[in-house]
Amino acid sequence: MKSNVDELQEVENRLKTEKSRRMYERYQTIRLHLMGKSVQEISAIHKRTSKTIGTYIRSYQEHGLDGLTMKFSTGKPPRLTTEQQAQVK
């Protein structure tokens, strides 16, 4: 089991190399959590809900840093039906 210092160092290493803004924010959330900040403080810093911050922390606790990676996101559903999209093309 890693010590808090080792975990913090691993997060900071990932922060230095991360290019994705979303992943950077997630790593930063874990960094602040490991430094002792409360969920409310972190949510105020990142302007995210406490539920979102809690989800990041829970994912980290269950799966480590790799648990923070984004899963597939379908995005916003299309406004046009398939037939309407075919007519436009």
C-alpha atoms as a PDB file:
ATOM      1  CA  MET A   1       0.000   0.000   0.000  1.00  0.00           C
ATOM      2  CA  LYS A   2       1.347   3.413  -0.999  1.00  0.00           C
ATOM      3  CA  SER A   3       1.865   6.188   1.484  1.00  0.00           C
ATOM      4  CA  ASN A   4       0.077   9.500   1.076  1.00  0.00           C
ATOM      5  CA  VAL A   5       3.377  11.132   0.045  1.00  0.00           C
ATOM      6  CA  ASP A   6       3.933   8.521  -2.693  1.00  0.00           C
ATOM      7  CA  GLU A   7       0.391   8.956  -3.975  1.00  0.00           C
ATOM      8  CA  LEU A   8       0.786  12.735  -4.008  1.00  0.00           C
ATOM      9  CA  GLN A   9       4.054  12.433  -5.945  1.00  0.00           C
ATOM     10  CA  GLU A  10       2.424  10.145  -8.512  1.00  0.00           C
ATOM     11  CA  VAL A  11      -0.434  12.630  -9.024  1.00  0.00           C
ATOM     12  CA  GLU A  12       2.001  15.528  -9.407  1.00  0.00           C
ATOM     13  CA  ASN A  13       3.973  13.572 -12.014  1.00  0.00           C
ATOM     14  CA  ARG A  14       0.796  13.007 -14.025  1.00  0.00           C
ATOM     15  CA  LEU A  15      -0.118  16.690 -13.712  1.00  0.00           C
ATOM     16  CA  LYS A  16       3.206  17.679 -15.302  1.00  0.00           C
ATOM     17  CA  THR A  17       2.607  15.579 -18.408  1.00  0.00           C
ATOM     18  CA  GLU A  18      -1.168  15.793 -18.860  1.00  0.00           C
ATOM     19  CA  LYS A  19      -2.402  17.648 -21.926  1.00  0.00           C
ATOM     20  CA  SER A  20      -6.157  17.117 -21.533  1.00  0.00           C
ATOM     21  CA  ARG A  21      -7.803  19.913 -19.561  1.00  0.00           C
ATOM     22  CA  ARG A  22     -10.446  17.561 -18.178  1.00  0.00           C
ATOM     23  CA  MET A  23      -7.941  15.002 -16.947  1.00  0.00           C
ATOM     24  CA  TYR A  24      -5.738  17.762 -15.510  1.00  0.00           C
ATOM     25  CA  GLU A  25      -8.702  18.986 -13.471  1.00  0.00           C
ATOM     26  CA  ARG A  26      -9.417  15.462 -12.228  1.00  0.00           C
ATOM     27  CA  TYR A  27      -5.795  14.943 -11.184  1.00  0.00           C
ATOM     28  CA  GLN A  28      -5.801  18.365  -9.525  1.00  0.00           C
ATOM     29  CA  THR A  29      -8.930  17.342  -7.604  1.00  0.00           C
ATOM     30  CA  ILE A  30      -7.159  14.244  -6.268  1.00  0.00           C
ATOM     31  CA  ARG A  31      -4.066  16.292  -5.432  1.00  0.00           C
ATOM     32  CA  LEU A  32      -6.137  18.715  -3.357  1.00  0.00           C
ATOM     33  CA  HIS A  33      -7.936  15.789  -1.693  1.00  0.00           C
ATOM     34  CA  LEU A  34      -4.614  14.170  -0.752  1.00  0.00           C
ATOM     35  CA  MET A  35      -3.467  17.523   0.641  1.00  0.00           C
ATOM     36  CA  GLY A  36      -6.421  17.472   3.042  1.00  0.00           C
ATOM     37  CA  LYS A  37      -8.890  19.814   1.350  1.00  0.00           C
ATOM     38  CA  SER A  38     -12.572  19.057   1.891  1.00  0.00           C
ATOM     39  CA  VAL A  39     -14.950  18.180  -0.931  1.00  0.00           C
ATOM     40  CA  GLN A  40     -16.680  21.545  -0.456  1.00  0.00           C
ATOM     41  CA  GLU A  41     -13.384  23.443  -0.745  1.00  0.00           C
ATOM     42  CA  ILE A  42     -12.392  21.514  -3.882  1.00  0.00           C
ATOM     43  CA  SER A  43     -15.804  22.043  -5.478  1.00  0.00           C
ATOM     44  CA  ALA A  44     -15.512  25.797  -4.862  1.00  0.00           C
ATOM     45  CA  ILE A  45     -12.019  25.876  -6.392  1.00  0.00           C
ATOM     46  CA  HIS A  46     -13.043  23.971  -9.545  1.00  0.00           C
ATOM     47  CA  LYS A  47     -16.582  25.378  -9.691  1.00  0.00           C
ATOM     48  CA  ARG A  48     -18.036  21.857  -9.848  1.00  0.00           C
ATOM     49  CA  THR A  49     -20.733  20.287  -7.695  1.00  0.00           C
ATOM     50  CA  SER A  50     -19.788  18.344  -4.592  1.00  0.00           C
ATOM     51  CA  LYS A  51     -21.346  15.300  -6.252  1.00  0.00           C
ATOM     52  CA  THR A  52     -18.936  15.560  -9.204  1.00  0.00           C
ATOM     53  CA  ILE A  53     -15.925  15.989  -6.930  1.00  0.00           C
ATOM     54  CA  GLY A  54     -17.110  13.046  -4.820  1.00  0.00           C
ATOM     55  CA  THR A  55     -17.391  10.914  -7.961  1.00  0.00           C
ATOM     56  CA  TYR A  56     -13.780  11.703  -8.911  1.00  0.00           C
ATOM     57  CA  ILE A  57     -12.542  10.865  -5.416  1.00  0.00           C
ATOM     58  CA  ARG A  58     -14.539   7.637  -5.263  1.00  0.00           C
ATOM     59  CA  SER A  59     -13.241   6.549  -8.688  1.00  0.00           C
ATOM     60  CA  TYR A  60      -9.700   7.239  -7.510  1.00  0.00           C
ATOM     61  CA  GLN A  61     -10.182   5.293  -4.281  1.00  0.00           C
ATOM     62  CA  GLU A  62     -11.658   2.295  -6.096  1.00  0.00           C
ATOM     63  CA  HIS A  63      -9.463   2.195  -9.224  1.00  0.00           C
ATOM     64  CA  GLY A  64      -6.488   4.499  -8.664  1.00  0.00           C
ATOM     65  CA  LEU A  65      -5.488   7.251 -11.093  1.00  0.00           C
ATOM     66  CA  ASP A  66      -6.460   5.123 -14.076  1.00  0.00           C
ATOM     67  CA  GLY A  67     -10.030   5.121 -12.766  1.00  0.00           C
ATOM     68  CA  LEU A  68     -10.227   8.842 -13.546  1.00  0.00           C
ATOM     69  CA  THR A  69      -9.918   8.367 -17.304  1.00  0.00           C
ATOM     70  CA  MET A  70     -12.947   9.402 -19.257  1.00  0.00           C
ATOM     71  CA  LYS A  71     -15.190   6.716 -20.581  1.00  0.00           C
ATOM     72  CA  PHE A  72     -16.915   7.013 -23.946  1.00  0.00           C
ATOM     73  CA  SER A  73     -19.239  10.000 -24.098  1.00  0.00           C
ATOM     74  CA  THR A  74     -21.983   9.960 -26.693  1.00  0.00           C
ATOM     75  CA  GLY A  75     -22.471  13.694 -26.506  1.00  0.00           C
ATOM     76  CA  LYS A  76     -25.691  15.560 -27.094  1.00  0.00           C
ATOM     77  CA  PRO A  77     -28.333  13.567 -28.994  1.00  0.00           C
ATOM     78  CA  PRO A  78     -29.051  14.778 -32.543  1.00  0.00           C
ATOM     79  CA  ARG A  79     -32.066  17.014 -33.093  1.00  0.00           C
ATOM     80  CA  LEU A  80     -32.821  15.547 -36.500  1.00  0.00           C
ATOM     81  CA  THR A  81     -34.066  12.048 -37.142  1.00  0.00           C
ATOM     82  CA  THR A  82     -32.040   9.749 -39.384  1.00  0.00           C
ATOM     83  CA  GLU A  83     -34.459  10.457 -42.272  1.00  0.00           C
ATOM     84  CA  GLN A  84     -34.123  14.208 -41.796  1.00  0.00           C
ATOM     85  CA  GLN A  85     -30.341  13.939 -41.735  1.00  0.00           C
ATOM     86  CA  ALA A  86     -30.451  11.969 -45.022  1.00  0.00           C
ATOM     87  CA  GLN A  87     -32.576  14.709 -46.637  1.00  0.00           C
ATOM     88  CA  VAL A  88     -30.093  17.384 -45.601  1.00  0.00           C
ATOM     89  CA  LYS A  89     -27.187  15.496 -47.217  1.00  0.00           C
END
